[in-house]
Structure formats: C-alpha cells, structure tokens
N, C-alpha and C. Protein backbone atom coordinates (compact mmCIF):
# COMPACT_ATOMS: atom_id res chain seq x y z
N MET A 1 0.83 -1.19 0.00
CA MET A 1 0.00 0.00 0.00
C MET A 1 0.87 1.25 0.00
N ILE A 2 1.90 1.28 0.83
CA ILE A 2 2.79 2.45 0.90
C ILE A 2 3.56 2.60 -0.40
N LYS A 3 3.95 1.48 -1.01
CA LYS A 3 4.68 1.53 -2.27
C LYS A 3 3.82 2.18 -3.36
N LYS A 4 2.54 1.82 -3.41
CA LYS A 4 1.63 2.40 -4.40
C LYS A 4 1.45 3.89 -4.17
N LEU A 5 1.34 4.28 -2.91
CA LEU A 5 1.19 5.69 -2.57
C LEU A 5 2.44 6.47 -2.97
N MET A 6 3.61 5.93 -2.70
CA MET A 6 4.86 6.60 -3.06
C MET A 6 5.01 6.68 -4.58
N LEU A 7 4.60 5.62 -5.28
CA LEU A 7 4.67 5.61 -6.74
C LEU A 7 3.73 6.68 -7.32
N ALA A 8 2.53 6.77 -6.76
CA ALA A 8 1.57 7.78 -7.22
C ALA A 8 2.10 9.19 -6.98
N LEU A 9 2.71 9.40 -5.81
CA LEU A 9 3.28 10.70 -5.48
C LEU A 9 4.43 11.04 -6.43
N ALA A 10 5.28 10.08 -6.72
CA ALA A 10 6.39 10.29 -7.65
C ALA A 10 5.88 10.62 -9.05
N ALA A 11 4.82 9.94 -9.47
CA ALA A 11 4.24 10.22 -10.79
C ALA A 11 3.66 11.63 -10.84
N LEU A 12 3.04 12.06 -9.76
CA LEU A 12 2.47 13.41 -9.69
C LEU A 12 3.56 14.46 -9.79
N VAL A 13 4.64 14.27 -9.05
CA VAL A 13 5.76 15.21 -9.09
C VAL A 13 6.38 15.25 -10.48
N ALA A 14 6.54 14.09 -11.11
CA ALA A 14 7.13 14.04 -12.45
C ALA A 14 6.24 14.72 -13.48
N SER A 15 4.94 14.53 -13.38
CA SER A 15 4.04 15.15 -14.36
C SER A 15 3.97 16.66 -14.17
N THR A 16 4.13 17.14 -12.96
CA THR A 16 4.16 18.58 -12.70
C THR A 16 5.38 19.19 -13.37
N GLY A 17 6.50 18.53 -13.31
CA GLY A 17 7.71 19.02 -13.96
C GLY A 17 7.58 19.08 -15.46
N ILE A 18 6.89 18.11 -16.03
CA ILE A 18 6.68 18.07 -17.47
C ILE A 18 5.74 19.19 -17.90
N ALA A 19 4.77 19.53 -17.09
CA ALA A 19 3.80 20.56 -17.44
C ALA A 19 4.46 21.92 -17.63
N PHE A 20 5.57 22.17 -16.95
CA PHE A 20 6.23 23.46 -17.04
C PHE A 20 7.49 23.40 -17.89
N ALA A 21 7.61 22.39 -18.74
CA ALA A 21 8.79 22.25 -19.59
C ALA A 21 8.82 23.36 -20.62
N GLN A 22 10.02 23.79 -20.96
CA GLN A 22 10.20 24.82 -21.97
C GLN A 22 10.06 24.21 -23.36
N VAL A 23 9.38 24.91 -24.25
CA VAL A 23 9.18 24.45 -25.61
C VAL A 23 9.72 25.54 -26.55
N ASP A 24 10.76 25.19 -27.29
CA ASP A 24 11.38 26.15 -28.21
C ASP A 24 10.66 26.10 -29.56
N VAL A 25 10.23 27.27 -30.06
CA VAL A 25 9.49 27.32 -31.32
C VAL A 25 10.33 26.87 -32.51
N ASN A 26 11.65 26.92 -32.39
CA ASN A 26 12.51 26.52 -33.49
C ASN A 26 12.82 25.02 -33.51
N LYS A 27 12.44 24.30 -32.46
CA LYS A 27 12.77 22.87 -32.37
C LYS A 27 11.55 21.98 -32.18
N ALA A 28 10.46 22.50 -31.65
CA ALA A 28 9.30 21.69 -31.27
C ALA A 28 8.48 21.23 -32.47
N ASP A 29 7.85 20.07 -32.29
CA ASP A 29 6.91 19.60 -33.29
C ASP A 29 5.51 20.09 -32.93
N ALA A 30 4.52 19.76 -33.74
CA ALA A 30 3.16 20.24 -33.53
C ALA A 30 2.60 19.81 -32.18
N ALA A 31 2.87 18.57 -31.79
CA ALA A 31 2.35 18.06 -30.51
C ALA A 31 2.92 18.84 -29.33
N ALA A 32 4.22 19.14 -29.38
CA ALA A 32 4.84 19.89 -28.28
C ALA A 32 4.29 21.32 -28.24
N LEU A 33 4.12 21.93 -29.40
CA LEU A 33 3.56 23.29 -29.44
C LEU A 33 2.13 23.31 -28.91
N ASP A 34 1.33 22.31 -29.29
CA ASP A 34 -0.05 22.22 -28.81
C ASP A 34 -0.11 22.05 -27.29
N GLY A 35 0.95 21.52 -26.71
CA GLY A 35 0.99 21.31 -25.26
C GLY A 35 1.18 22.59 -24.47
N VAL A 36 1.54 23.69 -25.14
CA VAL A 36 1.71 24.97 -24.47
C VAL A 36 0.35 25.64 -24.35
N LYS A 37 0.03 26.07 -23.13
CA LYS A 37 -1.25 26.73 -22.90
C LYS A 37 -1.33 28.00 -23.75
N GLY A 38 -2.38 28.11 -24.55
CA GLY A 38 -2.56 29.27 -25.42
C GLY A 38 -2.21 28.99 -26.87
N VAL A 39 -1.59 27.85 -27.13
CA VAL A 39 -1.25 27.46 -28.50
C VAL A 39 -2.16 26.32 -28.90
N GLY A 40 -2.95 26.55 -29.94
CA GLY A 40 -3.83 25.51 -30.43
C GLY A 40 -3.32 24.96 -31.75
N PRO A 41 -4.08 24.06 -32.35
CA PRO A 41 -3.65 23.45 -33.61
C PRO A 41 -3.41 24.46 -34.74
N SER A 42 -4.25 25.50 -34.83
CA SER A 42 -4.07 26.47 -35.92
C SER A 42 -2.81 27.31 -35.70
N MET A 43 -2.54 27.69 -34.46
CA MET A 43 -1.34 28.48 -34.20
C MET A 43 -0.09 27.62 -34.39
N SER A 44 -0.13 26.37 -33.96
CA SER A 44 1.06 25.52 -34.13
C SER A 44 1.33 25.29 -35.61
N LYS A 45 0.28 25.17 -36.43
CA LYS A 45 0.47 25.03 -37.88
C LYS A 45 1.09 26.30 -38.44
N MET A 46 0.61 27.46 -38.00
CA MET A 46 1.16 28.73 -38.45
C MET A 46 2.65 28.85 -38.08
N ILE A 47 2.97 28.44 -36.85
CA ILE A 47 4.36 28.49 -36.39
C ILE A 47 5.23 27.57 -37.24
N LEU A 48 4.76 26.34 -37.49
CA LEU A 48 5.54 25.40 -38.30
C LEU A 48 5.70 25.88 -39.74
N ASP A 49 4.65 26.49 -40.30
CA ASP A 49 4.72 27.00 -41.67
C ASP A 49 5.74 28.15 -41.77
N GLU A 50 5.71 29.05 -40.79
CA GLU A 50 6.66 30.17 -40.80
C GLU A 50 8.09 29.68 -40.54
N ARG A 51 8.22 28.70 -39.66
CA ARG A 51 9.55 28.17 -39.35
C ARG A 51 10.17 27.49 -40.57
N ALA A 52 9.32 26.92 -41.45
CA ALA A 52 9.82 26.29 -42.67
C ALA A 52 10.50 27.31 -43.58
N LYS A 53 10.09 28.57 -43.47
CA LYS A 53 10.70 29.65 -44.26
C LYS A 53 12.03 30.09 -43.67
N GLY A 54 12.24 29.80 -42.40
CA GLY A 54 13.47 30.18 -41.71
C GLY A 54 13.21 30.24 -40.21
N GLU A 55 14.23 29.92 -39.42
CA GLU A 55 14.06 29.92 -37.97
C GLU A 55 13.76 31.32 -37.45
N PHE A 56 13.09 31.36 -36.31
CA PHE A 56 12.80 32.63 -35.66
C PHE A 56 14.07 33.11 -34.96
N LYS A 57 14.44 34.37 -35.18
CA LYS A 57 15.67 34.91 -34.61
C LYS A 57 15.51 35.27 -33.13
N ASP A 58 14.37 35.89 -32.82
CA ASP A 58 14.10 36.33 -31.45
C ASP A 58 12.60 36.55 -31.29
N TRP A 59 12.21 37.04 -30.12
CA TRP A 59 10.78 37.24 -29.86
C TRP A 59 10.17 38.29 -30.79
N ALA A 60 10.93 39.33 -31.14
CA ALA A 60 10.41 40.35 -32.05
C ALA A 60 10.10 39.74 -33.42
N ASP A 61 11.01 38.90 -33.90
CA ASP A 61 10.81 38.22 -35.17
C ASP A 61 9.59 37.30 -35.09
N PHE A 62 9.47 36.58 -33.99
CA PHE A 62 8.33 35.68 -33.79
C PHE A 62 7.02 36.46 -33.82
N GLN A 63 6.97 37.60 -33.13
CA GLN A 63 5.75 38.40 -33.08
C GLN A 63 5.42 39.01 -34.44
N ASP A 64 6.43 39.37 -35.21
CA ASP A 64 6.20 39.94 -36.54
C ASP A 64 5.62 38.91 -37.50
N ARG A 65 6.06 37.68 -37.37
CA ARG A 65 5.68 36.65 -38.34
C ARG A 65 4.45 35.84 -37.97
N ILE A 66 4.07 35.81 -36.70
CA ILE A 66 2.91 35.02 -36.28
C ILE A 66 1.74 35.95 -35.99
N LYS A 67 0.72 35.84 -36.80
CA LYS A 67 -0.46 36.70 -36.68
C LYS A 67 -1.16 36.47 -35.33
N GLY A 68 -1.50 37.56 -34.67
CA GLY A 68 -2.24 37.48 -33.41
C GLY A 68 -1.38 37.35 -32.17
N VAL A 69 -0.07 37.31 -32.35
CA VAL A 69 0.82 37.21 -31.19
C VAL A 69 1.57 38.54 -31.06
N LYS A 70 1.10 39.36 -30.16
CA LYS A 70 1.74 40.65 -29.87
C LYS A 70 1.97 40.72 -28.37
N GLY A 71 2.35 41.84 -27.84
CA GLY A 71 2.72 42.09 -26.46
C GLY A 71 2.20 41.14 -25.39
N LYS A 72 0.94 41.32 -24.97
CA LYS A 72 0.40 40.53 -23.85
C LYS A 72 0.30 39.05 -24.20
N LYS A 73 -0.14 38.75 -25.40
CA LYS A 73 -0.29 37.35 -25.82
C LYS A 73 1.08 36.66 -25.83
N ALA A 74 2.08 37.35 -26.35
CA ALA A 74 3.43 36.79 -26.39
C ALA A 74 3.95 36.55 -24.98
N MET A 75 3.69 37.48 -24.07
CA MET A 75 4.15 37.33 -22.69
C MET A 75 3.47 36.14 -22.03
N LYS A 76 2.19 35.95 -22.28
CA LYS A 76 1.47 34.80 -21.71
C LYS A 76 2.01 33.49 -22.25
N LEU A 77 2.32 33.46 -23.54
CA LEU A 77 2.89 32.24 -24.13
C LEU A 77 4.26 31.95 -23.52
N SER A 78 5.04 33.00 -23.31
CA SER A 78 6.35 32.82 -22.70
C SER A 78 6.22 32.30 -21.27
N GLU A 79 5.28 32.85 -20.52
CA GLU A 79 5.05 32.39 -19.15
C GLU A 79 4.56 30.95 -19.12
N ALA A 80 3.88 30.52 -20.19
CA ALA A 80 3.39 29.14 -20.27
C ALA A 80 4.49 28.17 -20.69
N GLY A 81 5.68 28.70 -21.05
CA GLY A 81 6.80 27.82 -21.36
C GLY A 81 7.33 27.92 -22.77
N LEU A 82 6.76 28.78 -23.60
CA LEU A 82 7.24 28.92 -24.97
C LEU A 82 8.51 29.77 -24.99
N THR A 83 9.51 29.34 -25.74
CA THR A 83 10.76 30.09 -25.86
C THR A 83 11.13 30.25 -27.33
N VAL A 84 11.98 31.24 -27.60
CA VAL A 84 12.54 31.43 -28.93
C VAL A 84 14.05 31.34 -28.76
N ASN A 85 14.65 30.37 -29.41
CA ASN A 85 16.09 30.09 -29.26
C ASN A 85 16.46 29.86 -27.80
N GLY A 86 15.56 29.20 -27.08
CA GLY A 86 15.82 28.85 -25.69
C GLY A 86 15.64 29.98 -24.70
N LYS A 87 15.18 31.14 -25.16
CA LYS A 87 15.04 32.29 -24.27
C LYS A 87 13.57 32.67 -24.10
N PRO A 88 13.15 32.86 -22.85
CA PRO A 88 11.79 33.36 -22.63
C PRO A 88 11.73 34.84 -22.98
N MET A 89 10.54 35.34 -23.18
CA MET A 89 10.39 36.76 -23.50
C MET A 89 10.68 37.57 -22.24
N GLU A 90 11.44 38.63 -22.40
CA GLU A 90 11.74 39.50 -21.27
C GLU A 90 10.61 40.50 -21.10
N ALA A 91 10.32 40.86 -19.86
CA ALA A 91 9.24 41.79 -19.57
C ALA A 91 9.46 43.13 -20.27
N ALA A 92 10.71 43.55 -20.38
CA ALA A 92 11.03 44.82 -21.02
C ALA A 92 10.74 44.78 -22.52
N ALA A 93 10.74 43.59 -23.11
CA ALA A 93 10.50 43.47 -24.54
C ALA A 93 9.03 43.69 -24.89
N ALA A 94 8.15 43.44 -23.93
CA ALA A 94 6.73 43.67 -24.15
C ALA A 94 6.49 45.17 -24.16
N LYS A 95 5.54 45.61 -24.97
CA LYS A 95 5.25 47.03 -25.02
C LYS A 95 4.69 47.47 -23.67
N PRO A 96 5.27 48.51 -23.08
CA PRO A 96 4.77 48.97 -21.79
C PRO A 96 3.42 49.66 -21.96
N ALA A 97 2.56 49.45 -20.98
CA ALA A 97 1.26 50.10 -20.99
C ALA A 97 1.45 51.58 -20.71
N LYS A 98 0.65 52.42 -21.34
CA LYS A 98 0.76 53.85 -21.11
C LYS A 98 0.25 54.17 -19.71
N ASP A 99 1.01 54.98 -19.02
CA ASP A 99 0.64 55.38 -17.67
C ASP A 99 -0.19 56.66 -17.77
N LYS A 100 -1.49 56.56 -17.55
CA LYS A 100 -2.38 57.71 -17.67
C LYS A 100 -2.08 58.77 -16.64
N THR A 101 -1.66 58.36 -15.46
CA THR A 101 -1.33 59.31 -14.40
C THR A 101 -0.15 60.18 -14.81
N ALA A 102 0.87 59.58 -15.38
CA ALA A 102 2.05 60.32 -15.81
C ALA A 102 1.69 61.30 -16.92
N ALA A 103 0.81 60.90 -17.82
CA ALA A 103 0.40 61.77 -18.91
C ALA A 103 -0.34 62.99 -18.38
N LYS A 104 -1.21 62.78 -17.39
CA LYS A 104 -1.93 63.90 -16.79
C LYS A 104 -0.97 64.85 -16.09
N THR A 105 0.00 64.29 -15.38
CA THR A 105 0.99 65.09 -14.68
C THR A 105 1.79 65.93 -15.67
N ASP A 106 2.16 65.33 -16.80
CA ASP A 106 2.92 66.05 -17.82
C ASP A 106 2.11 67.21 -18.39
N LYS A 107 0.81 67.00 -18.61
CA LYS A 107 -0.05 68.06 -19.15
C LYS A 107 -0.16 69.21 -18.17
N LYS A 108 -0.25 68.91 -16.87
CA LYS A 108 -0.36 69.94 -15.86
C LYS A 108 0.96 70.69 -15.70
N ALA A 109 2.06 70.00 -15.87
CA ALA A 109 3.37 70.62 -15.70
C ALA A 109 3.70 71.55 -16.86
N ALA A 110 3.22 71.28 -18.05
CA ALA A 110 3.54 72.08 -19.22
C ALA A 110 3.12 73.54 -19.07
N PRO A 111 1.88 73.86 -18.66
CA PRO A 111 1.50 75.27 -18.50
C PRO A 111 2.35 75.98 -17.43
N ALA A 112 2.66 75.28 -16.37
CA ALA A 112 3.47 75.88 -15.30
C ALA A 112 4.86 76.21 -15.82
N GLU A 113 5.42 75.33 -16.65
CA GLU A 113 6.75 75.57 -17.22
C GLU A 113 6.71 76.75 -18.19
N GLN A 114 5.60 76.90 -18.93
CA GLN A 114 5.48 78.00 -19.88
C GLN A 114 5.41 79.33 -19.14
N LYS A 115 4.68 79.37 -18.02
CA LYS A 115 4.59 80.60 -17.23
C LYS A 115 5.95 80.97 -16.64
N ALA A 116 6.69 79.98 -16.19
CA ALA A 116 8.00 80.22 -15.60
C ALA A 116 8.98 80.75 -16.65
N ALA A 117 8.80 80.36 -17.88
CA ALA A 117 9.70 80.79 -18.94
C ALA A 117 9.44 82.24 -19.34
N MET A 118 8.26 82.78 -19.05
CA MET A 118 7.93 84.16 -19.42
C MET A 118 8.59 85.12 -18.57
C-alpha cells in the first residue's frame, strides 16, 4: 500500500515538472507546441509554416511573423513555457502600458513651465 502511494506521489511530481517544460518554437513539433497553454492546432500550424521559411531569430521576429501574437499574448505564451532560441520573453521586450497618471501630470506641468519661462 505504501509503495503504491509513493509511486503515485512520484508520478504526480514528475508530471508537474513536465507541465512546465520549456518548448522552443525553433525545435518543437506540432504536438509539443499544442501542449503549451494558449497554442492551439491552428497556431502551431502557423508556427511550423513560418519556421519552414526560416528559424525565428528572437521574440520580435516571432511576433512579426505570427499573426495574433503581440505584447500581452506573447508574454502569456512565454510564461506558459514557450521560448525562442531557448530564451523566454523579457518583460522589457513587451510594449509597456501607457501610464495615464504620468500623462496627466505632464499636461499639468507644461503650463506651469510655460509661465515660468515668461
């Protein structure tokens, strides 16, 4: 009984490790790509078709060539384990969201600066 419990626990730990495995878009087959959360059969086909034209150089190249994969979507795919040339997408590479507070502050500061210049 204890042996079965330990075996089940070991299998659970092993499957958890597999779930978070890195999948490189330049090396993976369709099944591996489909295993990444957010990548379905149509996207994996698109990735394989584009890869046949030439390997992806980096995340920017991947985003340019794969329709529907931009900033947030690319970051989610990277967090799910997708990599380009073995590298996950860096947070700085994603387009930063515009800070509305900073924009308002800049607009308020501009008139004050103009008055000071007079």
